[in-house]
Amino acid sequence: MMRIWKNIIIIIVMNKILYNNIMVDSRILSNPRKLSNNEVLKFRNAKSKWFPKFIQTYNTTLYEMMASPLKKALILGLIFSIIVGIYGFVDYKFKLNNLFDKGKINKMSMVFVVTFILFIVGSVAMAQYKLNDNLFLFLTLTKSGATKYDYESSSVIQNKLMRDAYRGGSSGNSLMGGVLGGAIGSRIGSRSSGRRR
């Protein structure tokens, strides 16, 4: 029964995509255009920002979606580090024995946390780099003043979003299970080693 409903939803989404493609294809240029000096300057400034526009709508310009991959990754890495620091203080204060074990840093847990943060930072930087590159290409394929609606309504992006959503539904649970499993495993290992002492 769930499979039937899933197929129905996919058909509805595909029909919506086809309708959007018909409406948007007229905005796509047949040949790439050369960006004006003003547009090139806007692009350079946009990809050097610390962070893209936080709340984006379909009226958000392509330049507002851009940011420096390194700066964005550093901001998110700093946020995660602060969260870990706050949790570490709570863990040490109330002796939760997750990041600390009898007042000493749990090396296994810290390795897991640092690896996780580095993975997130690297993934964010790579994703923003690819987005900047895709948005620059899209700028050359559309008329001036393109927005997020134009970008996400293109046939290529629509198909990509649908594939990502389909994969996310099947792999999201396993990824979350892996992260939780690693955290729980490190916690159990630290406690069992503490008992042996």
C-alpha atoms as a PDB file:
ATOM      1  CA  MET A   1       0.000   0.000   0.000  1.00  0.00           C
ATOM      2  CA  MET A   2       2.826   2.398   0.864  1.00  0.00           C
ATOM      3  CA  ARG A   3       4.505   1.616  -2.456  1.00  0.00           C
ATOM      4  CA  ILE A   4       1.319   2.527  -4.345  1.00  0.00           C
ATOM      5  CA  TRP A   5       1.036   5.875  -2.564  1.00  0.00           C
ATOM      6  CA  LYS A   6       4.726   6.502  -3.205  1.00  0.00           C
ATOM      7  CA  ASN A   7       4.257   5.891  -6.935  1.00  0.00           C
ATOM      8  CA  ILE A   8       1.236   8.211  -7.003  1.00  0.00           C
ATOM      9  CA  ILE A   9       3.239  10.981  -5.338  1.00  0.00           C
ATOM     10  CA  ILE A  10       6.091  10.487  -7.829  1.00  0.00           C
ATOM     11  CA  ILE A  11       3.649  10.763 -10.754  1.00  0.00           C
ATOM     12  CA  ILE A  12       2.160  13.979  -9.341  1.00  0.00           C
ATOM     13  CA  VAL A  13       5.618  15.463  -8.836  1.00  0.00           C
ATOM     14  CA  MET A  14       6.695  14.475 -12.352  1.00  0.00           C
ATOM     15  CA  ASN A  15       3.623  16.171 -13.835  1.00  0.00           C
ATOM     16  CA  LYS A  16       4.432  19.283 -11.838  1.00  0.00           C
ATOM     17  CA  ILE A  17       8.009  19.189 -13.115  1.00  0.00           C
ATOM     18  CA  LEU A  18       6.853  18.881 -16.723  1.00  0.00           C
ATOM     19  CA  TYR A  19       4.513  21.836 -16.256  1.00  0.00           C
ATOM     20  CA  ASN A  20       7.274  23.949 -14.721  1.00  0.00           C
ATOM     21  CA  ASN A  21       9.663  23.009 -17.498  1.00  0.00           C
ATOM     22  CA  ILE A  22       7.221  24.245 -20.113  1.00  0.00           C
ATOM     23  CA  MET A  23       6.859  27.555 -18.255  1.00  0.00           C
ATOM     24  CA  VAL A  24      10.554  28.034 -17.538  1.00  0.00           C
ATOM     25  CA  ASP A  25      12.197  26.762 -20.715  1.00  0.00           C
ATOM     26  CA  SER A  26      11.212  30.010 -22.432  1.00  0.00           C
ATOM     27  CA  ARG A  27      13.463  31.872 -19.971  1.00  0.00           C
ATOM     28  CA  ILE A  28      16.485  29.722 -20.754  1.00  0.00           C
ATOM     29  CA  LEU A  29      18.718  31.051 -23.509  1.00  0.00           C
ATOM     30  CA  SER A  30      19.661  28.746 -26.367  1.00  0.00           C
ATOM     31  CA  ASN A  31      23.300  29.885 -26.182  1.00  0.00           C
ATOM     32  CA  PRO A  32      25.346  31.104 -23.207  1.00  0.00           C
ATOM     33  CA  ARG A  33      25.675  34.880 -23.015  1.00  0.00           C
ATOM     34  CA  LYS A  34      28.615  36.957 -21.872  1.00  0.00           C
ATOM     35  CA  LEU A  35      28.057  38.572 -18.491  1.00  0.00           C
ATOM     36  CA  SER A  36      28.327  42.340 -18.267  1.00  0.00           C
ATOM     37  CA  ASN A  37      31.078  43.964 -16.206  1.00  0.00           C
ATOM     38  CA  ASN A  38      28.517  44.815 -13.518  1.00  0.00           C
ATOM     39  CA  GLU A  39      27.342  41.196 -13.352  1.00  0.00           C
ATOM     40  CA  VAL A  40      30.926  39.913 -13.110  1.00  0.00           C
ATOM     41  CA  LEU A  41      31.581  42.344 -10.246  1.00  0.00           C
ATOM     42  CA  LYS A  42      28.403  41.213  -8.479  1.00  0.00           C
ATOM     43  CA  PHE A  43      29.477  37.585  -8.875  1.00  0.00           C
ATOM     44  CA  ARG A  44      32.925  38.226  -7.402  1.00  0.00           C
ATOM     45  CA  ASN A  45      31.454  40.084  -4.449  1.00  0.00           C
ATOM     46  CA  ALA A  46      28.767  37.417  -3.923  1.00  0.00           C
ATOM     47  CA  LYS A  47      31.206  34.479  -3.792  1.00  0.00           C
ATOM     48  CA  SER A  48      33.372  36.287  -1.236  1.00  0.00           C
ATOM     49  CA  LYS A  49      30.567  36.794   1.321  1.00  0.00           C
ATOM     50  CA  TRP A  50      30.705  35.064   4.688  1.00  0.00           C
ATOM     51  CA  PHE A  51      27.279  33.509   4.333  1.00  0.00           C
ATOM     52  CA  PRO A  52      24.444  33.366   1.790  1.00  0.00           C
ATOM     53  CA  LYS A  53      21.104  34.971   2.522  1.00  0.00           C
ATOM     54  CA  PHE A  54      19.797  33.157   5.600  1.00  0.00           C
ATOM     55  CA  ILE A  55      16.086  33.143   4.723  1.00  0.00           C
ATOM     56  CA  GLN A  56      15.679  32.487   1.023  1.00  0.00           C
ATOM     57  CA  THR A  57      12.515  32.681  -1.042  1.00  0.00           C
ATOM     58  CA  TYR A  58      11.817  32.130  -4.720  1.00  0.00           C
ATOM     59  CA  ASN A  59      12.413  35.871  -5.160  1.00  0.00           C
ATOM     60  CA  THR A  60      15.989  35.572  -3.824  1.00  0.00           C
ATOM     61  CA  THR A  61      18.555  36.503  -6.461  1.00  0.00           C
ATOM     62  CA  LEU A  62      21.263  34.084  -7.528  1.00  0.00           C
ATOM     63  CA  TYR A  63      23.902  36.392  -6.059  1.00  0.00           C
ATOM     64  CA  GLU A  64      22.227  36.195  -2.640  1.00  0.00           C
ATOM     65  CA  MET A  65      22.501  32.393  -2.783  1.00  0.00           C
ATOM     66  CA  MET A  66      26.289  32.565  -3.159  1.00  0.00           C
ATOM     67  CA  ALA A  67      28.995  32.747  -0.513  1.00  0.00           C
ATOM     68  CA  SER A  68      32.638  31.907   0.075  1.00  0.00           C
ATOM     69  CA  PRO A  69      32.884  28.122   0.644  1.00  0.00           C
ATOM     70  CA  LEU A  70      35.759  28.544   3.106  1.00  0.00           C
ATOM     71  CA  LYS A  71      34.120  31.356   5.107  1.00  0.00           C
ATOM     72  CA  LYS A  72      30.789  29.544   5.305  1.00  0.00           C
ATOM     73  CA  ALA A  73      32.504  26.337   6.422  1.00  0.00           C
ATOM     74  CA  LEU A  74      34.486  28.234   9.075  1.00  0.00           C
ATOM     75  CA  ILE A  75      31.309  29.805  10.478  1.00  0.00           C
ATOM     76  CA  LEU A  76      29.535  26.458  10.734  1.00  0.00           C
ATOM     77  CA  GLY A  77      32.659  24.823  12.168  1.00  0.00           C
ATOM     78  CA  LEU A  78      32.832  27.544  14.815  1.00  0.00           C
ATOM     79  CA  ILE A  79      29.142  27.075  15.661  1.00  0.00           C
ATOM     80  CA  PHE A  80      29.576  23.307  16.037  1.00  0.00           C
ATOM     81  CA  SER A  81      32.702  23.848  18.151  1.00  0.00           C
ATOM     82  CA  ILE A  82      30.829  26.199  20.476  1.00  0.00           C
ATOM     83  CA  ILE A  83      28.011  23.675  20.824  1.00  0.00           C
ATOM     84  CA  VAL A  84      30.502  20.912  21.617  1.00  0.00           C
ATOM     85  CA  GLY A  85      32.241  23.203  24.128  1.00  0.00           C
ATOM     86  CA  ILE A  86      28.964  23.959  25.899  1.00  0.00           C
ATOM     87  CA  TYR A  87      28.052  20.286  25.948  1.00  0.00           C
ATOM     88  CA  GLY A  88      31.546  19.421  27.200  1.00  0.00           C
ATOM     89  CA  PHE A  89      31.118  21.840  30.104  1.00  0.00           C
ATOM     90  CA  VAL A  90      27.750  20.301  30.988  1.00  0.00           C
ATOM     91  CA  ASP A  91      29.232  16.820  30.604  1.00  0.00           C
ATOM     92  CA  TYR A  92      32.134  17.673  32.927  1.00  0.00           C
ATOM     93  CA  LYS A  93      29.973  19.528  35.455  1.00  0.00           C
ATOM     94  CA  PHE A  94      27.305  16.857  35.806  1.00  0.00           C
ATOM     95  CA  LYS A  95      29.615  13.882  35.167  1.00  0.00           C
ATOM     96  CA  LEU A  96      27.688  12.464  32.213  1.00  0.00           C
ATOM     97  CA  ASN A  97      30.838  10.574  31.148  1.00  0.00           C
ATOM     98  CA  ASN A  98      30.404  11.152  27.407  1.00  0.00           C
ATOM     99  CA  LEU A  99      33.224  13.555  26.535  1.00  0.00           C
ATOM    100  CA  PHE A 100      34.909  13.223  29.910  1.00  0.00           C
ATOM    101  CA  ASP A 101      35.690  10.105  31.910  1.00  0.00           C
ATOM    102  CA  LYS A 102      36.483  10.707  35.600  1.00  0.00           C
ATOM    103  CA  GLY A 103      37.536  14.286  34.881  1.00  0.00           C
ATOM    104  CA  LYS A 104      39.744  13.334  31.918  1.00  0.00           C
ATOM    105  CA  ILE A 105      38.949  13.806  28.254  1.00  0.00           C
ATOM    106  CA  ASN A 106      37.559  10.695  26.599  1.00  0.00           C
ATOM    107  CA  LYS A 107      39.883  10.380  23.595  1.00  0.00           C
ATOM    108  CA  MET A 108      37.622   8.055  21.648  1.00  0.00           C
ATOM    109  CA  SER A 109      34.650  10.402  21.971  1.00  0.00           C
ATOM    110  CA  MET A 110      36.749  13.449  21.075  1.00  0.00           C
ATOM    111  CA  VAL A 111      38.121  11.728  17.967  1.00  0.00           C
ATOM    112  CA  PHE A 112      34.560  10.950  16.912  1.00  0.00           C
ATOM    113  CA  VAL A 113      33.421  14.548  17.545  1.00  0.00           C
ATOM    114  CA  VAL A 114      36.384  16.135  15.729  1.00  0.00           C
ATOM    115  CA  THR A 115      35.975  13.768  12.778  1.00  0.00           C
ATOM    116  CA  PHE A 116      32.271  14.571  12.597  1.00  0.00           C
ATOM    117  CA  ILE A 117      32.915  18.336  12.654  1.00  0.00           C
ATOM    118  CA  LEU A 118      35.598  18.072   9.973  1.00  0.00           C
ATOM    119  CA  PHE A 119      33.251  15.996   7.825  1.00  0.00           C
ATOM    120  CA  ILE A 120      30.476  18.585   8.175  1.00  0.00           C
ATOM    121  CA  VAL A 121      32.845  21.493   7.439  1.00  0.00           C
ATOM    122  CA  GLY A 122      34.276  19.760   4.367  1.00  0.00           C
ATOM    123  CA  SER A 123      30.835  18.803   3.065  1.00  0.00           C
ATOM    124  CA  VAL A 124      29.516  22.356   3.505  1.00  0.00           C
ATOM    125  CA  ALA A 125      32.524  23.889   1.744  1.00  0.00           C
ATOM    126  CA  MET A 126      32.279  21.468  -1.167  1.00  0.00           C
ATOM    127  CA  ALA A 127      28.513  21.944  -1.514  1.00  0.00           C
ATOM    128  CA  GLN A 128      28.821  25.748  -1.564  1.00  0.00           C
ATOM    129  CA  TYR A 129      31.690  25.591  -4.066  1.00  0.00           C
ATOM    130  CA  LYS A 130      29.605  23.450  -6.418  1.00  0.00           C
ATOM    131  CA  LEU A 131      26.573  25.709  -5.922  1.00  0.00           C
ATOM    132  CA  ASN A 132      28.602  28.822  -6.784  1.00  0.00           C
ATOM    133  CA  ASP A 133      29.887  27.148  -9.933  1.00  0.00           C
ATOM    134  CA  ASN A 134      26.400  26.004 -10.949  1.00  0.00           C
ATOM    135  CA  LEU A 135      24.910  29.422 -10.283  1.00  0.00           C
ATOM    136  CA  PHE A 136      27.591  31.111 -12.386  1.00  0.00           C
ATOM    137  CA  LEU A 137      26.812  28.784 -15.289  1.00  0.00           C
ATOM    138  CA  PHE A 138      23.092  29.426 -14.826  1.00  0.00           C
ATOM    139  CA  LEU A 139      23.708  33.180 -14.939  1.00  0.00           C
ATOM    140  CA  THR A 140      25.129  32.794 -18.430  1.00  0.00           C
ATOM    141  CA  LEU A 141      22.133  30.723 -19.547  1.00  0.00           C
ATOM    142  CA  THR A 142      19.394  33.078 -18.376  1.00  0.00           C
ATOM    143  CA  LYS A 143      18.479  36.694 -18.794  1.00  0.00           C
ATOM    144  CA  SER A 144      19.657  39.250 -16.262  1.00  0.00           C
ATOM    145  CA  GLY A 145      17.789  39.253 -12.942  1.00  0.00           C
ATOM    146  CA  ALA A 146      17.338  35.481 -12.560  1.00  0.00           C
ATOM    147  CA  THR A 147      16.080  34.316  -9.158  1.00  0.00           C
ATOM    148  CA  LYS A 148      16.034  31.131  -7.108  1.00  0.00           C
ATOM    149  CA  TYR A 149      12.689  30.279  -8.698  1.00  0.00           C
ATOM    150  CA  ASP A 150      14.267  30.281 -12.177  1.00  0.00           C
ATOM    151  CA  TYR A 151      17.165  28.162 -10.935  1.00  0.00           C
ATOM    152  CA  GLU A 152      15.130  25.511  -9.115  1.00  0.00           C
ATOM    153  CA  SER A 153      12.495  25.396 -11.843  1.00  0.00           C
ATOM    154  CA  SER A 154      14.986  24.401 -14.536  1.00  0.00           C
ATOM    155  CA  SER A 155      14.660  20.821 -15.753  1.00  0.00           C
ATOM    156  CA  VAL A 156      18.183  19.845 -14.642  1.00  0.00           C
ATOM    157  CA  ILE A 157      17.733  21.106 -11.085  1.00  0.00           C
ATOM    158  CA  GLN A 158      14.204  19.692 -10.815  1.00  0.00           C
ATOM    159  CA  ASN A 159      15.478  16.239 -11.721  1.00  0.00           C
ATOM    160  CA  LYS A 160      18.400  16.582  -9.300  1.00  0.00           C
ATOM    161  CA  LEU A 161      16.152  17.668  -6.425  1.00  0.00           C
ATOM    162  CA  MET A 162      13.854  14.738  -7.085  1.00  0.00           C
ATOM    163  CA  ARG A 163      16.753  12.250  -7.137  1.00  0.00           C
ATOM    164  CA  ASP A 164      18.177  13.709  -3.917  1.00  0.00           C
ATOM    165  CA  ALA A 165      14.775  13.524  -2.221  1.00  0.00           C
ATOM    166  CA  TYR A 166      14.331   9.901  -3.307  1.00  0.00           C
ATOM    167  CA  ARG A 167      17.818   8.934  -2.128  1.00  0.00           C
ATOM    168  CA  GLY A 168      17.433  10.898   1.084  1.00  0.00           C
ATOM    169  CA  GLY A 169      14.322   8.939   2.003  1.00  0.00           C
ATOM    170  CA  SER A 170      16.136   5.628   1.684  1.00  0.00           C
ATOM    171  CA  SER A 171      19.560   6.567   3.041  1.00  0.00           C
ATOM    172  CA  GLY A 172      18.668   9.174   5.656  1.00  0.00           C
ATOM    173  CA  ASN A 173      17.597   6.621   8.236  1.00  0.00           C
ATOM    174  CA  SER A 174      20.715   4.508   7.766  1.00  0.00           C
ATOM    175  CA  LEU A 175      22.990   7.580   8.041  1.00  0.00           C
ATOM    176  CA  MET A 176      21.327   8.748  11.228  1.00  0.00           C
ATOM    177  CA  GLY A 177      21.484   5.248  12.590  1.00  0.00           C
ATOM    178  CA  GLY A 178      25.211   5.116  11.854  1.00  0.00           C
ATOM    179  CA  VAL A 179      25.886   8.420  13.627  1.00  0.00           C
ATOM    180  CA  LEU A 180      23.839   7.441  16.661  1.00  0.00           C
ATOM    181  CA  GLY A 181      25.399   4.007  16.686  1.00  0.00           C
ATOM    182  CA  GLY A 182      28.893   5.500  16.721  1.00  0.00           C
ATOM    183  CA  ALA A 183      28.022   7.869  19.549  1.00  0.00           C
ATOM    184  CA  ILE A 184      26.371   5.154  21.642  1.00  0.00           C
ATOM    185  CA  GLY A 185      29.205   2.732  20.926  1.00  0.00           C
ATOM    186  CA  SER A 186      31.863   5.181  22.078  1.00  0.00           C
ATOM    187  CA  ARG A 187      29.860   5.921  25.214  1.00  0.00           C
ATOM    188  CA  ILE A 188      29.455   2.237  26.078  1.00  0.00           C
ATOM    189  CA  GLY A 189      33.138   1.645  25.410  1.00  0.00           C
ATOM    190  CA  SER A 190      34.171   4.447  27.731  1.00  0.00           C
ATOM    191  CA  ARG A 191      31.929   3.194  30.515  1.00  0.00           C
ATOM    192  CA  SER A 192      33.080  -0.400  30.179  1.00  0.00           C
ATOM    193  CA  SER A 193      36.716   0.666  30.296  1.00  0.00           C
ATOM    194  CA  GLY A 194      35.939   2.736  33.393  1.00  0.00           C
ATOM    195  CA  ARG A 195      34.443  -0.290  35.120  1.00  0.00           C
ATOM    196  CA  ARG A 196      37.507  -2.432  34.393  1.00  0.00           C
ATOM    197  CA  ARG A 197      39.614   0.116  36.208  1.00  0.00           C
END
